[in-house]
């Protein structure tokens, strides 16, 4: 027996259930779409978090020179103190750089320079 071509449309208009195979296909596609949307949401969330990390890393102070220029721009130190910081010895500069790196919670190499070893 051949189905009426408008049979599906009539069933939908009357809000009757379609045969089981059509419901299963629709349900399966809906589930796949939901999984895909969840996956996309998780990826966009991860992308936002990574972009936030990049923004924060750009604002961090990376070197001693950046620290000095930041202190100058904010007028936290006078000219004499800045002069002392810029003319300090290599041992002290390395020590300050290590302190700056440990404040950033990054790993420093376990090797020390000869000047710092002789100082210790």
PDB file of N, CA and C in Angstrom:
ATOM      1  N   UNK A   1       0.840  -1.172   0.000  1.00  0.00           N
ATOM      2  CA  UNK A   1       0.000   0.000   0.000  1.00  0.00           C
ATOM      3  C   UNK A   1       0.885   1.234   0.000  1.00  0.00           C
ATOM      4  N   UNK A   2       0.627   2.147  -0.904  1.00  0.00           N
ATOM      5  CA  UNK A   2       1.415   3.360  -1.043  1.00  0.00           C
ATOM      6  C   UNK A   2       0.863   4.441  -0.113  1.00  0.00           C
ATOM      7  N   UNK A   3       1.832   5.154   0.571  1.00  0.00           N
ATOM      8  CA  UNK A   3       1.403   6.208   1.498  1.00  0.00           C
ATOM      9  C   UNK A   3       1.028   7.467   0.731  1.00  0.00           C
ATOM     10  N   UNK A   4       0.135   8.199   1.282  1.00  0.00           N
ATOM     11  CA  UNK A   4      -0.256   9.489   0.751  1.00  0.00           C
ATOM     12  C   UNK A   4       0.932  10.433   0.937  1.00  0.00           C
ATOM     13  N   UNK A   5       1.349  11.216  -0.078  1.00  0.00           N
ATOM     14  CA  UNK A   5       2.504  12.114   0.087  1.00  0.00           C
ATOM     15  C   UNK A   5       2.296  13.165   1.163  1.00  0.00           C
ATOM     16  N   UNK A   6       1.087  13.479   1.473  1.00  0.00           N
ATOM     17  CA  UNK A   6       0.817  14.498   2.498  1.00  0.00           C
ATOM     18  C   UNK A   6       0.555  13.876   3.858  1.00  0.00           C
ATOM     19  N   UNK A   7       0.771  12.571   3.958  1.00  0.00           N
ATOM     20  CA  UNK A   7       0.466  11.868   5.194  1.00  0.00           C
ATOM     21  C   UNK A   7       1.316  12.384   6.355  1.00  0.00           C
ATOM     22  N   UNK A   8       2.624  12.573   6.131  1.00  0.00           N
ATOM     23  CA  UNK A   8       3.506  13.075   7.196  1.00  0.00           C
ATOM     24  C   UNK A   8       3.079  14.469   7.637  1.00  0.00           C
ATOM     25  N   UNK A   9       2.762  15.309   6.683  1.00  0.00           N
ATOM     26  CA  UNK A   9       2.347  16.673   7.002  1.00  0.00           C
ATOM     27  C   UNK A   9       1.052  16.673   7.800  1.00  0.00           C
ATOM     28  N   UNK A  10       0.131  15.809   7.420  1.00  0.00           N
ATOM     29  CA  UNK A  10      -1.138  15.721   8.147  1.00  0.00           C
ATOM     30  C   UNK A  10      -0.878  15.267   9.581  1.00  0.00           C
ATOM     31  N   UNK A  11      -0.011  14.273   9.737  1.00  0.00           N
ATOM     32  CA  UNK A  11       0.303  13.797  11.085  1.00  0.00           C
ATOM     33  C   UNK A  11       0.941  14.896  11.932  1.00  0.00           C
ATOM     34  N   UNK A  12       1.847  15.661  11.330  1.00  0.00           N
ATOM     35  CA  UNK A  12       2.486  16.749  12.081  1.00  0.00           C
ATOM     36  C   UNK A  12       1.486  17.821  12.456  1.00  0.00           C
ATOM     37  N   UNK A  13       0.608  18.136  11.552  1.00  0.00           N
ATOM     38  CA  UNK A  13      -0.392  19.163  11.843  1.00  0.00           C
ATOM     39  C   UNK A  13      -1.338  18.714  12.938  1.00  0.00           C
ATOM     40  N   UNK A  14      -1.641  17.455  12.980  1.00  0.00           N
ATOM     41  CA  UNK A  14      -2.530  16.936  14.019  1.00  0.00           C
ATOM     42  C   UNK A  14      -1.783  16.633  15.314  1.00  0.00           C
ATOM     43  N   UNK A  15      -0.484  16.857  15.290  1.00  0.00           N
ATOM     44  CA  UNK A  15       0.380  16.614  16.446  1.00  0.00           C
ATOM     45  C   UNK A  15       0.332  15.157  16.893  1.00  0.00           C
ATOM     46  N   UNK A  16       0.276  14.290  15.931  1.00  0.00           N
ATOM     47  CA  UNK A  16       0.359  12.867  16.216  1.00  0.00           C
ATOM     48  C   UNK A  16       1.799  12.440  16.059  1.00  0.00           C
ATOM     49  N   UNK A  17       2.142  11.329  16.674  1.00  0.00           N
ATOM     50  CA  UNK A  17       3.514  10.852  16.609  1.00  0.00           C
ATOM     51  C   UNK A  17       3.799  10.221  15.262  1.00  0.00           C
ATOM     52  N   UNK A  18       4.977  10.487  14.781  1.00  0.00           N
ATOM     53  CA  UNK A  18       5.439   9.845  13.560  1.00  0.00           C
ATOM     54  C   UNK A  18       5.822   8.403  13.878  1.00  0.00           C
ATOM     55  N   UNK A  19       5.973   7.578  12.892  1.00  0.00           N
ATOM     56  CA  UNK A  19       6.428   6.209  13.159  1.00  0.00           C
ATOM     57  C   UNK A  19       7.756   6.206  13.904  1.00  0.00           C
ATOM     58  N   UNK A  20       8.053   5.115  14.566  1.00  0.00           N
ATOM     59  CA  UNK A  20       9.189   5.003  15.472  1.00  0.00           C
ATOM     60  C   UNK A  20      10.520   5.314  14.795  1.00  0.00           C
ATOM     61  N   UNK A  21      10.730   4.874  13.577  1.00  0.00           N
ATOM     62  CA  UNK A  21      12.011   5.111  12.923  1.00  0.00           C
ATOM     63  C   UNK A  21      12.260   6.598  12.696  1.00  0.00           C
ATOM     64  N   UNK A  22      11.225   7.389  12.415  1.00  0.00           N
ATOM     65  CA  UNK A  22      11.401   8.829  12.238  1.00  0.00           C
ATOM     66  C   UNK A  22      11.710   9.496  13.574  1.00  0.00           C
ATOM     67  N   UNK A  23      11.028   9.062  14.632  1.00  0.00           N
ATOM     68  CA  UNK A  23      11.300   9.618  15.959  1.00  0.00           C
ATOM     69  C   UNK A  23      12.728   9.309  16.391  1.00  0.00           C
ATOM     70  N   UNK A  24      13.178   8.083  16.119  1.00  0.00           N
ATOM     71  CA  UNK A  24      14.533   7.709  16.511  1.00  0.00           C
ATOM     72  C   UNK A  24      15.562   8.552  15.777  1.00  0.00           C
ATOM     73  N   UNK A  25      15.353   8.750  14.491  1.00  0.00           N
ATOM     74  CA  UNK A  25      16.298   9.545  13.704  1.00  0.00           C
ATOM     75  C   UNK A  25      16.324  10.983  14.218  1.00  0.00           C
ATOM     76  N   UNK A  26      15.143  11.530  14.493  1.00  0.00           N
ATOM     77  CA  UNK A  26      15.045  12.897  15.002  1.00  0.00           C
ATOM     78  C   UNK A  26      15.713  12.996  16.382  1.00  0.00           C
ATOM     79  N   UNK A  27      15.456  12.001  17.240  1.00  0.00           N
ATOM     80  CA  UNK A  27      16.039  11.985  18.577  1.00  0.00           C
ATOM     81  C   UNK A  27      17.557  11.863  18.498  1.00  0.00           C
ATOM     82  N   UNK A  28      18.027  11.010  17.616  1.00  0.00           N
ATOM     83  CA  UNK A  28      19.466  10.805  17.453  1.00  0.00           C
ATOM     84  C   UNK A  28      20.147  12.091  16.981  1.00  0.00           C
ATOM     85  N   UNK A  29      19.553  12.755  16.003  1.00  0.00           N
ATOM     86  CA  UNK A  29      20.137  14.006  15.510  1.00  0.00           C
ATOM     87  C   UNK A  29      20.099  15.093  16.570  1.00  0.00           C
ATOM     88  N   UNK A  30      19.022  15.130  17.342  1.00  0.00           N
ATOM     89  CA  UNK A  30      18.916  16.126  18.409  1.00  0.00           C
ATOM     90  C   UNK A  30      20.005  15.885  19.455  1.00  0.00           C
ATOM     91  N   UNK A  31      20.260  14.625  19.782  1.00  0.00           N
ATOM     92  CA  UNK A  31      21.312  14.300  20.747  1.00  0.00           C
ATOM     93  C   UNK A  31      22.685  14.679  20.229  1.00  0.00           C
ATOM     94  N   UNK A  32      22.942  14.407  18.962  1.00  0.00           N
ATOM     95  CA  UNK A  32      24.235  14.776  18.383  1.00  0.00           C
ATOM     96  C   UNK A  32      24.403  16.288  18.357  1.00  0.00           C
ATOM     97  N   UNK A  33      23.326  17.003  18.033  1.00  0.00           N
ATOM     98  CA  UNK A  33      23.383  18.463  18.019  1.00  0.00           C
ATOM     99  C   UNK A  33      23.650  19.001  19.420  1.00  0.00           C
ATOM    100  N   UNK A  34      23.000  18.409  20.423  1.00  0.00           N
ATOM    101  CA  UNK A  34      23.204  18.850  21.802  1.00  0.00           C
ATOM    102  C   UNK A  34      24.649  18.607  22.241  1.00  0.00           C
ATOM    103  N   UNK A  35      25.191  17.441  21.885  1.00  0.00           N
ATOM    104  CA  UNK A  35      26.591  17.149  22.215  1.00  0.00           C
ATOM    105  C   UNK A  35      27.531  18.131  21.531  1.00  0.00           C
ATOM    106  N   UNK A  36      27.251  18.426  20.295  1.00  0.00           N
ATOM    107  CA  UNK A  36      28.088  19.356  19.551  1.00  0.00           C
ATOM    108  C   UNK A  36      28.025  20.754  20.157  1.00  0.00           C
ATOM    109  N   UNK A  37      26.823  21.188  20.561  1.00  0.00           N
ATOM    110  CA  UNK A  37      26.686  22.516  21.168  1.00  0.00           C
ATOM    111  C   UNK A  37      27.417  22.571  22.508  1.00  0.00           C
ATOM    112  N   UNK A  38      27.350  21.501  23.276  1.00  0.00           N
ATOM    113  CA  UNK A  38      28.075  21.448  24.548  1.00  0.00           C
ATOM    114  C   UNK A  38      29.576  21.529  24.307  1.00  0.00           C
ATOM    115  N   UNK A  39      30.047  20.802  23.305  1.00  0.00           N
ATOM    116  CA  UNK A  39      31.463  20.826  22.960  1.00  0.00           C
ATOM    117  C   UNK A  39      31.890  22.232  22.555  1.00  0.00           C
ATOM    118  N   UNK A  40      31.063  22.900  21.740  1.00  0.00           N
ATOM    119  CA  UNK A  40      31.386  24.269  21.302  1.00  0.00           C
ATOM    120  C   UNK A  40      31.425  25.225  22.481  1.00  0.00           C
ATOM    121  N   UNK A  41      30.461  25.089  23.405  1.00  0.00           N
ATOM    122  CA  UNK A  41      30.448  25.958  24.579  1.00  0.00           C
ATOM    123  C   UNK A  41      31.707  25.762  25.414  1.00  0.00           C
ATOM    124  N   UNK A  42      32.131  24.514  25.579  1.00  0.00           N
ATOM    125  CA  UNK A  42      33.332  24.263  26.380  1.00  0.00           C
ATOM    126  C   UNK A  42      34.568  24.847  25.700  1.00  0.00           C
ATOM    127  N   UNK A  43      34.621  24.768  24.381  1.00  0.00           N
ATOM    128  CA  UNK A  43      35.776  25.314  23.662  1.00  0.00           C
ATOM    129  C   UNK A  43      35.787  26.837  23.712  1.00  0.00           C
ATOM    130  N   UNK A  44      34.624  27.463  23.607  1.00  0.00           N
ATOM    131  CA  UNK A  44      34.601  28.929  23.694  1.00  0.00           C
ATOM    132  C   UNK A  44      34.980  29.380  25.101  1.00  0.00           C
ATOM    133  N   UNK A  45      34.554  28.635  26.120  1.00  0.00           N
ATOM    134  CA  UNK A  45      34.928  28.964  27.494  1.00  0.00           C
ATOM    135  C   UNK A  45      36.443  28.845  27.668  1.00  0.00           C
ATOM    136  N   UNK A  46      37.019  27.764  27.131  1.00  0.00           N
ATOM    137  CA  UNK A  46      38.463  27.575  27.236  1.00  0.00           C
ATOM    138  C   UNK A  46      39.203  28.676  26.492  1.00  0.00           C
ATOM    139  N   UNK A  47      38.675  29.072  25.338  1.00  0.00           N
ATOM    140  CA  UNK A  47      39.300  30.132  24.563  1.00  0.00           C
ATOM    141  C   UNK A  47      39.270  31.454  25.333  1.00  0.00           C
ATOM    142  N   UNK A  48      38.152  31.747  26.005  1.00  0.00           N
ATOM    143  CA  UNK A  48      38.062  32.973  26.795  1.00  0.00           C
ATOM    144  C   UNK A  48      39.067  32.959  27.944  1.00  0.00           C
ATOM    145  N   UNK A  49      39.206  31.808  28.592  1.00  0.00           N
ATOM    146  CA  UNK A  49      40.151  31.697  29.708  1.00  0.00           C
ATOM    147  C   UNK A  49      41.580  31.899  29.216  1.00  0.00           C
ATOM    148  N   UNK A  50      41.911  31.302  28.073  1.00  0.00           N
ATOM    149  CA  UNK A  50      43.260  31.467  27.523  1.00  0.00           C
ATOM    150  C   UNK A  50      43.525  32.905  27.089  1.00  0.00           C
ATOM    151  N   UNK A  51      42.512  33.563  26.513  1.00  0.00           N
ATOM    152  CA  UNK A  51      42.682  34.968  26.144  1.00  0.00           C
ATOM    153  C   UNK A  51      42.889  35.823  27.385  1.00  0.00           C
ATOM    154  N   UNK A  52      42.183  35.484  28.472  1.00  0.00           N
ATOM    155  CA  UNK A  52      42.357  36.217  29.721  1.00  0.00           C
ATOM    156  C   UNK A  52      43.777  36.022  30.258  1.00  0.00           C
ATOM    157  N   UNK A  53      44.305  34.796  30.168  1.00  0.00           N
ATOM    158  CA  UNK A  53      45.678  34.540  30.606  1.00  0.00           C
ATOM    159  C   UNK A  53      46.669  35.355  29.792  1.00  0.00           C
ATOM    160  N   UNK A  54      46.457  35.426  28.488  1.00  0.00           N
ATOM    161  CA  UNK A  54      47.357  36.191  27.624  1.00  0.00           C
ATOM    162  C   UNK A  54      47.326  37.662  28.014  1.00  0.00           C
ATOM    163  N   UNK A  55      46.128  38.200  28.251  1.00  0.00           N
ATOM    164  CA  UNK A  55      46.026  39.607  28.668  1.00  0.00           C
ATOM    165  C   UNK A  55      46.770  39.842  29.975  1.00  0.00           C
ATOM    166  N   UNK A  56      46.629  38.921  30.908  1.00  0.00           N
ATOM    167  CA  UNK A  56      47.294  39.094  32.201  1.00  0.00           C
ATOM    168  C   UNK A  56      48.806  38.956  32.085  1.00  0.00           C
ATOM    169  N   UNK A  57      49.279  38.027  31.253  1.00  0.00           N
ATOM    170  CA  UNK A  57      50.718  37.875  31.072  1.00  0.00           C
ATOM    171  C   UNK A  57      51.329  39.094  30.405  1.00  0.00           C
ATOM    172  N   UNK A  58      50.575  39.754  29.539  1.00  0.00           N
ATOM    173  CA  UNK A  58      51.102  40.950  28.883  1.00  0.00           C
ATOM    174  C   UNK A  58      51.294  42.084  29.871  1.00  0.00           C
ATOM    175  N   UNK A  59      50.481  42.117  30.924  1.00  0.00           N
ATOM    176  CA  UNK A  59      50.585  43.211  31.886  1.00  0.00           C
ATOM    177  C   UNK A  59      51.605  42.933  32.986  1.00  0.00           C
ATOM    178  N   UNK A  60      52.099  41.699  33.090  1.00  0.00           N
ATOM    179  CA  UNK A  60      53.079  41.390  34.128  1.00  0.00           C
ATOM    180  C   UNK A  60      54.425  42.031  33.815  1.00  0.00           C
ATOM    181  N   UNK A  61      55.157  42.304  34.857  1.00  0.00           N
ATOM    182  CA  UNK A  61      56.491  42.871  34.701  1.00  0.00           C
ATOM    183  C   UNK A  61      57.462  41.719  34.466  1.00  0.00           C
ATOM    184  N   UNK A  62      58.223  41.777  33.384  1.00  0.00           N
ATOM    185  CA  UNK A  62      59.081  40.657  33.010  1.00  0.00           C
ATOM    186  C   UNK A  62      60.542  40.839  33.384  1.00  0.00           C
ATOM    187  N   UNK A  63      61.054  42.043  33.312  1.00  0.00           N
ATOM    188  CA  UNK A  63      62.478  42.234  33.565  1.00  0.00           C
ATOM    189  C   UNK A  63      62.673  43.350  34.584  1.00  0.00           C
ATOM    190  N   UNK A  64      63.894  43.466  35.023  1.00  0.00           N
ATOM    191  CA  UNK A  64      64.232  44.518  35.976  1.00  0.00           C
ATOM    192  C   UNK A  64      64.054  45.895  35.337  1.00  0.00           C
ATOM    193  N   UNK A  65      64.381  45.999  34.063  1.00  0.00           N
ATOM    194  CA  UNK A  65      64.218  47.280  33.369  1.00  0.00           C
ATOM    195  C   UNK A  65      62.740  47.673  33.311  1.00  0.00           C
ATOM    196  N   UNK A  66      61.855  46.688  33.091  1.00  0.00           N
ATOM    197  CA  UNK A  66      60.414  46.970  33.107  1.00  0.00           C
ATOM    198  C   UNK A  66      59.980  47.442  34.488  1.00  0.00           C
ATOM    199  N   UNK A  67      60.533  46.813  35.523  1.00  0.00           N
ATOM    200  CA  UNK A  67      60.205  47.205  36.890  1.00  0.00           C
ATOM    201  C   UNK A  67      60.642  48.641  37.159  1.00  0.00           C
ATOM    202  N   UNK A  68      61.844  48.983  36.738  1.00  0.00           N
ATOM    203  CA  UNK A  68      62.354  50.344  36.961  1.00  0.00           C
ATOM    204  C   UNK A  68      61.517  51.364  36.196  1.00  0.00           C
ATOM    205  N   UNK A  69      61.204  51.060  34.936  1.00  0.00           N
ATOM    206  CA  UNK A  69      60.395  52.013  34.158  1.00  0.00           C
ATOM    207  C   UNK A  69      58.994  52.150  34.741  1.00  0.00           C
ATOM    208  N   UNK A  70      58.459  51.060  35.302  1.00  0.00           N
ATOM    209  CA  UNK A  70      57.142  51.126  35.936  1.00  0.00           C
ATOM    210  C   UNK A  70      57.196  51.981  37.195  1.00  0.00           C
ATOM    211  N   UNK A  71      58.264  51.828  37.978  1.00  0.00           N
ATOM    212  CA  UNK A  71      58.417  52.645  39.186  1.00  0.00           C
ATOM    213  C   UNK A  71      58.577  54.120  38.837  1.00  0.00           C
ATOM    214  N   UNK A  72      59.288  54.411  37.749  1.00  0.00           N
ATOM    215  CA  UNK A  72      59.452  55.805  37.316  1.00  0.00           C
ATOM    216  C   UNK A  72      58.112  56.389  36.891  1.00  0.00           C
ATOM    217  N   UNK A  73      57.355  55.630  36.110  1.00  0.00           N
ATOM    218  CA  UNK A  73      56.085  56.162  35.592  1.00  0.00           C
ATOM    219  C   UNK A  73      55.069  56.399  36.703  1.00  0.00           C
ATOM    220  N   UNK A  74      55.132  55.593  37.768  1.00  0.00           N
ATOM    221  CA  UNK A  74      54.179  55.756  38.868  1.00  0.00           C
ATOM    222  C   UNK A  74      54.708  56.657  39.979  1.00  0.00           C
ATOM    223  N   UNK A  75      55.909  57.175  39.805  1.00  0.00           N
ATOM    224  CA  UNK A  75      56.543  58.077  40.783  1.00  0.00           C
ATOM    225  C   UNK A  75      56.615  57.458  42.183  1.00  0.00           C
ATOM    226  N   UNK A  76      56.951  56.169  42.251  1.00  0.00           N
ATOM    227  CA  UNK A  76      57.098  55.513  43.543  1.00  0.00           C
ATOM    228  C   UNK A  76      58.490  55.720  44.128  1.00  0.00           C
ATOM    229  N   UNK A  77      59.453  56.053  43.281  1.00  0.00           N
ATOM    230  CA  UNK A  77      60.822  56.239  43.754  1.00  0.00           C
ATOM    231  C   UNK A  77      61.367  57.556  43.220  1.00  0.00           C
ATOM    232  N   UNK A  78      62.276  58.139  43.977  1.00  0.00           N
ATOM    233  CA  UNK A  78      62.890  59.377  43.511  1.00  0.00           C
ATOM    234  C   UNK A  78      64.095  59.052  42.627  1.00  0.00           C
ATOM    235  N   UNK A  79      64.720  60.080  42.088  1.00  0.00           N
ATOM    236  CA  UNK A  79      65.823  59.915  41.130  1.00  0.00           C
ATOM    237  C   UNK A  79      67.023  59.191  41.742  1.00  0.00           C
ATOM    238  N   UNK A  80      67.323  59.481  43.018  1.00  0.00           N
ATOM    239  CA  UNK A  80      68.484  58.845  43.656  1.00  0.00           C
ATOM    240  C   UNK A  80      68.292  57.334  43.781  1.00  0.00           C
ATOM    241  N   UNK A  81      67.123  56.908  44.200  1.00  0.00           N
ATOM    242  CA  UNK A  81      66.859  55.470  44.358  1.00  0.00           C
ATOM    243  C   UNK A  81      66.885  54.761  43.009  1.00  0.00           C
ATOM    244  N   UNK A  82      66.369  55.415  41.990  1.00  0.00           N
ATOM    245  CA  UNK A  82      66.381  54.819  40.652  1.00  0.00           C
ATOM    246  C   UNK A  82      67.810  54.729  40.133  1.00  0.00           C
ATOM    247  N   UNK A  83      68.621  55.744  40.420  1.00  0.00           N
ATOM    248  CA  UNK A  83      70.030  55.723  40.015  1.00  0.00           C
ATOM    249  C   UNK A  83      70.761  54.559  40.682  1.00  0.00           C
ATOM    250  N   UNK A  84      70.462  54.321  41.944  1.00  0.00           N
ATOM    251  CA  UNK A  84      71.088  53.198  42.661  1.00  0.00           C
ATOM    252  C   UNK A  84      70.673  51.870  42.028  1.00  0.00           C
ATOM    253  N   UNK A  85      69.393  51.745  41.698  1.00  0.00           N
ATOM    254  CA  UNK A  85      68.915  50.499  41.081  1.00  0.00           C
ATOM    255  C   UNK A  85      69.550  50.252  39.722  1.00  0.00           C
ATOM    256  N   UNK A  86      69.749  51.308  38.949  1.00  0.00           N
ATOM    257  CA  UNK A  86      70.304  51.116  37.606  1.00  0.00           C
ATOM    258  C   UNK A  86      71.808  50.862  37.633  1.00  0.00           C
ATOM    259  N   UNK A  87      72.492  51.267  38.693  1.00  0.00           N
ATOM    260  CA  UNK A  87      73.945  51.085  38.748  1.00  0.00           C
ATOM    261  C   UNK A  87      74.372  49.952  39.671  1.00  0.00           C
ATOM    262  N   UNK A  88      73.486  49.084  40.070  1.00  0.00           N
ATOM    263  CA  UNK A  88      73.857  48.004  40.985  1.00  0.00           C
ATOM    264  C   UNK A  88      74.696  46.970  40.234  1.00  0.00           C
ATOM    265  N   UNK A  89      75.443  46.191  40.992  1.00  0.00           N
ATOM    266  CA  UNK A  89      76.354  45.201  40.390  1.00  0.00           C
ATOM    267  C   UNK A  89      75.570  44.056  39.754  1.00  0.00           C
ATOM    268  N   UNK A  90      76.287  43.246  38.970  1.00  0.00           N
ATOM    269  CA  UNK A  90      75.654  42.118  38.273  1.00  0.00           C
ATOM    270  C   UNK A  90      75.095  41.089  39.253  1.00  0.00           C
ATOM    271  N   UNK A  91      75.782  40.903  40.389  1.00  0.00           N
ATOM    272  CA  UNK A  91      75.305  39.942  41.392  1.00  0.00           C
ATOM    273  C   UNK A  91      73.949  40.383  41.920  1.00  0.00           C
ATOM    274  N   UNK A  92      73.854  41.643  42.258  1.00  0.00           N
ATOM    275  CA  UNK A  92      72.590  42.147  42.787  1.00  0.00           C
ATOM    276  C   UNK A  92      71.494  42.149  41.723  1.00  0.00           C
ATOM    277  N   UNK A  93      71.869  42.459  40.469  1.00  0.00           N
ATOM    278  CA  UNK A  93      70.874  42.424  39.397  1.00  0.00           C
ATOM    279  C   UNK A  93      70.327  41.013  39.207  1.00  0.00           C
ATOM    280  N   UNK A  94      71.227  40.027  39.242  1.00  0.00           N
ATOM    281  CA  UNK A  94      70.764  38.645  39.087  1.00  0.00           C
ATOM    282  C   UNK A  94      69.871  38.244  40.259  1.00  0.00           C
ATOM    283  N   UNK A  95      70.256  38.665  41.470  1.00  0.00           N
ATOM    284  CA  UNK A  95      69.438  38.368  42.643  1.00  0.00           C
ATOM    285  C   UNK A  95      68.053  39.001  42.512  1.00  0.00           C
ATOM    286  N   UNK A  96      68.013  40.259  42.093  1.00  0.00           N
ATOM    287  CA  UNK A  96      66.718  40.931  41.919  1.00  0.00           C
ATOM    288  C   UNK A  96      65.887  40.271  40.822  1.00  0.00           C
ATOM    289  N   UNK A  97      66.542  39.863  39.738  1.00  0.00           N
ATOM    290  CA  UNK A  97      65.810  39.165  38.675  1.00  0.00           C
ATOM    291  C   UNK A  97      65.248  37.838  39.169  1.00  0.00           C
ATOM    292  N   UNK A  98      66.003  37.135  40.009  1.00  0.00           N
ATOM    293  CA  UNK A  98      65.503  35.876  40.568  1.00  0.00           C
ATOM    294  C   UNK A  98      64.310  36.131  41.483  1.00  0.00           C
ATOM    295  N   UNK A  99      64.376  37.184  42.279  1.00  0.00           N
ATOM    296  CA  UNK A  99      63.253  37.518  43.151  1.00  0.00           C
ATOM    297  C   UNK A  99      62.022  37.895  42.329  1.00  0.00           C
ATOM    298  N   UNK A 100      62.248  38.633  41.268  1.00  0.00           N
ATOM    299  CA  UNK A 100      61.155  39.026  40.383  1.00  0.00           C
ATOM    300  C   UNK A 100      60.536  37.799  39.723  1.00  0.00           C
ATOM    301  N   UNK A 101      61.371  36.863  39.302  1.00  0.00           N
ATOM    302  CA  UNK A 101      60.868  35.642  38.660  1.00  0.00           C
ATOM    303  C   UNK A 101      60.113  34.767  39.652  1.00  0.00           C
ATOM    304  N   UNK A 102      60.590  34.690  40.890  1.00  0.00           N
ATOM    305  CA  UNK A 102      59.887  33.864  41.875  1.00  0.00           C
ATOM    306  C   UNK A 102      58.556  34.499  42.258  1.00  0.00           C
ATOM    307  N   UNK A 103      58.456  35.814  42.178  1.00  0.00           N
ATOM    308  CA  UNK A 103      57.181  36.478  42.447  1.00  0.00           C
ATOM    309  C   UNK A 103      56.180  36.197  41.338  1.00  0.00           C
ATOM    310  N   UNK A 104      56.676  35.919  40.120  1.00  0.00           N
ATOM    311  CA  UNK A 104      55.800  35.608  38.991  1.00  0.00           C
ATOM    312  C   UNK A 104      55.404  34.135  38.985  1.00  0.00           C
ATOM    313  N   UNK A 105      55.929  33.348  39.887  1.00  0.00           N
ATOM    314  CA  UNK A 105      55.662  31.917  40.003  1.00  0.00           C
ATOM    315  C   UNK A 105      56.046  31.195  38.713  1.00  0.00           C
ATOM    316  N   UNK A 106      57.204  31.512  38.194  1.00  0.00           N
ATOM    317  CA  UNK A 106      57.742  30.766  37.065  1.00  0.00           C
ATOM    318  C   UNK A 106      58.966  30.019  37.557  1.00  0.00           C
ATOM    319  N   UNK A 107      59.321  28.981  36.876  1.00  0.00           N
ATOM    320  CA  UNK A 107      60.467  28.191  37.314  1.00  0.00           C
ATOM    321  C   UNK A 107      61.755  28.834  36.830  1.00  0.00           C
ATOM    322  N   UNK A 108      62.699  28.929  37.720  1.00  0.00           N
ATOM    323  CA  UNK A 108      64.021  29.433  37.375  1.00  0.00           C
ATOM    324  C   UNK A 108      64.945  28.235  37.254  1.00  0.00           C
ATOM    325  N   UNK A 109      65.990  28.403  36.479  1.00  0.00           N
ATOM    326  CA  UNK A 109      66.949  27.308  36.363  1.00  0.00           C
ATOM    327  C   UNK A 109      67.685  27.153  37.688  1.00  0.00           C
ATOM    328  N   UNK A 110      68.084  25.931  37.981  1.00  0.00           N
ATOM    329  CA  UNK A 110      68.750  25.681  39.260  1.00  0.00           C
ATOM    330  C   UNK A 110      70.223  26.057  39.219  1.00  0.00           C
ATOM    331  N   UNK A 111      70.735  26.476  38.070  1.00  0.00           N
ATOM    332  CA  UNK A 111      72.135  26.869  37.977  1.00  0.00           C
ATOM    333  C   UNK A 111      72.273  28.349  38.297  1.00  0.00           C
ATOM    334  N   UNK A 112      73.311  28.662  39.026  1.00  0.00           N
ATOM    335  CA  UNK A 112      73.587  30.037  39.396  1.00  0.00           C
ATOM    336  C   UNK A 112      74.830  30.503  38.650  1.00  0.00           C
ATOM    337  N   UNK A 113      74.923  31.786  38.410  1.00  0.00           N
ATOM    338  CA  UNK A 113      76.100  32.320  37.729  1.00  0.00           C
ATOM    339  C   UNK A 113      77.311  32.260  38.664  1.00  0.00           C
ATOM    340  N   UNK A 114      78.502  32.414  38.077  1.00  0.00           N
ATOM    341  CA  UNK A 114      79.731  32.352  38.875  1.00  0.00           C
ATOM    342  C   UNK A 114      79.775  33.467  39.910  1.00  0.00           C
ATOM    343  N   UNK A 115      79.308  34.655  39.523  1.00  0.00           N
ATOM    344  CA  UNK A 115      79.331  35.783  40.460  1.00  0.00           C
ATOM    345  C   UNK A 115      78.446  35.510  41.669  1.00  0.00           C
ATOM    346  N   UNK A 116      77.266  34.946  41.414  1.00  0.00           N
ATOM    347  CA  UNK A 116      76.342  34.676  42.515  1.00  0.00           C
ATOM    348  C   UNK A 116      76.856  33.527  43.382  1.00  0.00           C
ATOM    349  N   UNK A 117      77.504  32.533  42.769  1.00  0.00           N
ATOM    350  CA  UNK A 117      78.080  31.428  43.544  1.00  0.00           C
ATOM    351  C   UNK A 117      79.229  31.917  44.421  1.00  0.00           C
ATOM    352  N   UNK A 118      80.049  32.799  43.880  1.00  0.00           N
ATOM    353  CA  UNK A 118      81.168  33.308  44.681  1.00  0.00           C
ATOM    354  C   UNK A 118      80.660  34.194  45.818  1.00  0.00           C
ATOM    355  N   UNK A 119      79.547  34.858  45.592  1.00  0.00           N
ATOM    356  CA  UNK A 119      78.963  35.712  46.626  1.00  0.00           C
ATOM    357  C   UNK A 119      78.405  34.862  47.763  1.00  0.00           C
ATOM    358  N   UNK A 120      77.811  33.730  47.436  1.00  0.00           N
ATOM    359  CA  UNK A 120      77.199  32.860  48.449  1.00  0.00           C
ATOM    360  C   UNK A 120      78.296  32.154  49.202  1.00  0.00           C
TER     361      UNK A 120
END
